[in-house]
Protein backbone atom coordinates (compact mmCIF):
# COMPACT_ATOMS: atom_id res chain seq x y z
CA UNK A 1 7.19 4.69 -26.26
CA UNK A 2 4.97 7.50 -27.49
CA UNK A 3 2.85 6.85 -30.56
CA UNK A 4 4.68 8.03 -33.66
CA UNK A 5 2.75 10.20 -36.10
CA UNK A 6 0.70 8.36 -38.69
CA UNK A 7 2.90 7.48 -41.67
CA UNK A 8 2.12 9.21 -44.89
CA UNK A 9 5.33 9.74 -46.76
CA UNK A 10 8.29 7.35 -46.42
CA UNK A 11 8.38 3.57 -46.18
CA UNK A 12 10.77 3.90 -43.22
CA UNK A 13 8.22 5.93 -41.21
CA UNK A 14 5.48 3.50 -42.19
CA UNK A 15 7.59 0.55 -41.02
CA UNK A 16 8.37 2.32 -37.74
CA UNK A 17 4.68 3.04 -37.16
CA UNK A 18 3.65 -0.55 -37.97
CA UNK A 19 6.28 -1.85 -35.56
CA UNK A 20 5.01 0.47 -32.82
CA UNK A 21 1.37 -0.45 -33.55
CA UNK A 22 2.07 -4.19 -33.33
CA UNK A 23 4.03 -3.75 -30.11
CA UNK A 24 1.27 -1.58 -28.62
CA UNK A 25 -1.48 -4.06 -29.50
CA UNK A 26 0.51 -6.97 -28.04
CA UNK A 27 1.31 -5.01 -24.88
CA UNK A 28 -2.32 -4.06 -24.43
CA UNK A 29 -3.41 -7.66 -24.94
CA UNK A 30 -0.87 -8.94 -22.39
CA UNK A 31 -1.84 -6.29 -19.84
CA UNK A 32 -5.56 -6.98 -20.23
CA UNK A 33 -5.01 -10.72 -20.00
CA UNK A 34 -2.94 -10.35 -16.84
CA UNK A 35 -5.41 -8.29 -14.79
CA UNK A 36 -8.63 -9.31 -13.10
CA UNK A 37 -11.97 -8.96 -14.89
CA UNK A 38 -13.09 -6.67 -12.08
CA UNK A 39 -10.39 -4.15 -12.93
CA UNK A 40 -10.90 -4.45 -16.67
CA UNK A 41 -14.54 -3.46 -16.27
CA UNK A 42 -13.58 -0.11 -14.76
CA UNK A 43 -11.40 0.94 -17.70
CA UNK A 44 -12.89 2.35 -20.89
CA UNK A 45 -12.78 0.05 -23.92
CA UNK A 46 -12.00 3.08 -26.09
CA UNK A 47 -8.40 3.25 -24.83
CA UNK A 48 -6.15 1.86 -27.54
CA UNK A 49 -2.73 2.72 -26.17
CA UNK A 50 -0.99 0.47 -23.63
CA UNK A 51 0.57 3.56 -22.06
CA UNK A 52 -2.84 5.25 -21.68
CA UNK A 53 -4.33 2.02 -20.30
CA UNK A 54 -1.65 1.80 -17.60
CA UNK A 55 -2.09 5.48 -16.79
CA UNK A 56 -5.84 4.94 -16.37
CA UNK A 57 -5.26 1.98 -14.04
CA UNK A 58 -2.78 4.03 -12.02
CA UNK A 59 -5.24 6.91 -11.76
CA UNK A 60 -8.09 4.70 -10.57
CA UNK A 61 -6.10 2.60 -8.14
CA UNK A 62 -3.57 5.10 -6.81
CA UNK A 63 -2.26 4.47 -3.33
CA UNK A 64 -4.16 6.41 -0.74
CA UNK A 65 -2.11 7.54 2.25
CA UNK A 66 -5.30 8.19 4.20
CA UNK A 67 -6.54 4.64 3.68
CA UNK A 68 -3.14 3.20 4.53
CA UNK A 69 -2.92 5.34 7.68
CA UNK A 70 -6.38 4.20 8.70
CA UNK A 71 -5.48 0.55 8.16
CA UNK A 72 -2.27 0.76 10.20
CA UNK A 73 -3.98 2.70 12.97
CA UNK A 74 -6.81 0.17 13.11
CA UNK A 75 -4.35 -2.72 13.36
CA UNK A 76 -2.35 -0.93 16.08
CA UNK A 77 -5.48 -0.30 18.14
CA UNK A 78 -7.02 -3.74 17.68
CA UNK A 79 -3.92 -5.92 18.06
CA UNK A 80 -3.95 -8.19 21.15
CA UNK A 81 -1.26 -10.39 22.63
CA UNK A 82 -2.64 -13.92 22.70
CA UNK A 83 -0.14 -15.35 25.17
CA UNK A 84 1.73 -17.32 22.54
CA UNK A 85 5.13 -16.41 21.26
CA UNK A 86 7.73 -13.98 22.46
CA UNK A 87 6.36 -10.84 24.17
CA UNK A 88 9.36 -8.87 22.88
CA UNK A 89 8.47 -9.79 19.27
CA UNK A 90 4.87 -8.73 19.91
CA UNK A 91 5.98 -5.33 21.22
CA UNK A 92 8.39 -4.95 18.29
CA UNK A 93 5.50 -5.69 15.92
CA UNK A 94 3.51 -2.85 17.50
CA UNK A 95 6.56 -0.58 17.27
CA UNK A 96 6.92 -1.50 13.59
CA UNK A 97 3.30 -0.49 12.90
CA UNK A 98 3.93 2.81 14.75
CA UNK A 99 7.01 3.36 12.55
CA UNK A 100 4.90 2.85 9.43
CA UNK A 101 2.45 5.43 10.75
CA UNK A 102 5.33 7.82 11.40
CA UNK A 103 6.43 7.40 7.78
CA UNK A 104 2.89 8.43 6.81
CA UNK A 105 3.29 11.58 8.93
CA UNK A 106 1.27 10.34 11.91
CA UNK A 107 3.77 10.43 14.74
CA UNK A 108 2.70 8.63 17.93
CA UNK A 109 4.52 9.51 21.13
CA UNK A 110 6.47 6.80 22.94
CA UNK A 111 4.17 7.21 25.97
CA UNK A 112 1.10 6.59 23.83
CA UNK A 113 2.70 3.50 22.30
CA UNK A 114 3.57 2.16 25.77
CA UNK A 115 -0.03 2.63 26.87
CA UNK A 116 -1.32 0.91 23.73
CA UNK A 117 1.00 -2.03 24.47
CA UNK A 118 -0.20 -2.21 28.08
CA UNK A 119 -3.86 -2.02 27.07
CA UNK A 120 -3.39 -4.85 24.59
CA UNK A 121 -1.84 -7.25 27.10
CA UNK A 122 -4.06 -9.93 28.70
CA UNK A 123 -4.86 -10.29 32.42
CA UNK A 124 -1.79 -12.44 33.11
CA UNK A 125 0.25 -9.22 32.79
CA UNK A 126 -1.85 -7.40 35.41
CA UNK A 127 1.02 -7.15 37.91
CA UNK A 128 3.27 -5.73 35.22
CA UNK A 129 0.67 -3.10 34.33
CA UNK A 130 0.24 -2.09 37.99
CA UNK A 131 4.00 -1.90 38.43
CA UNK A 132 4.36 0.38 35.40
CA UNK A 133 1.48 2.62 36.47
CA UNK A 134 2.93 3.01 39.99
CA UNK A 135 6.29 4.23 38.72
CA UNK A 136 7.15 7.84 39.38
CA UNK A 137 6.83 10.12 36.41
CA UNK A 138 9.98 10.69 34.44
CA UNK A 139 11.56 14.03 35.17
């Protein structure tokens, strides 16, 4: 709720303001108590409104699509099949990461994804890799 104007005339407005002020102070106290000291140190102590405090946190720690894209791309490039578990689930995990990148407007072609999967497979899949690479190109 926005801060009401400072009361000067009627008892009703004064009561409304006092109610807002108490609620604001309690909200601010709860918010500050619930966040890490590291984050609290980055926010100015001069902020007295819970709404302004939350807006400042949002501004400082806004989601960065570039950072998220970089993280997903790094995990897609560095992921390796360790020989344990279902190979289909491993490939689906890579496809899922590629889908997240697509949602962030970084569309990887299916051919590129296939090559990333093949590169990430260990030596025991050597015959499979050779077989795929010897296939005739799709027409």
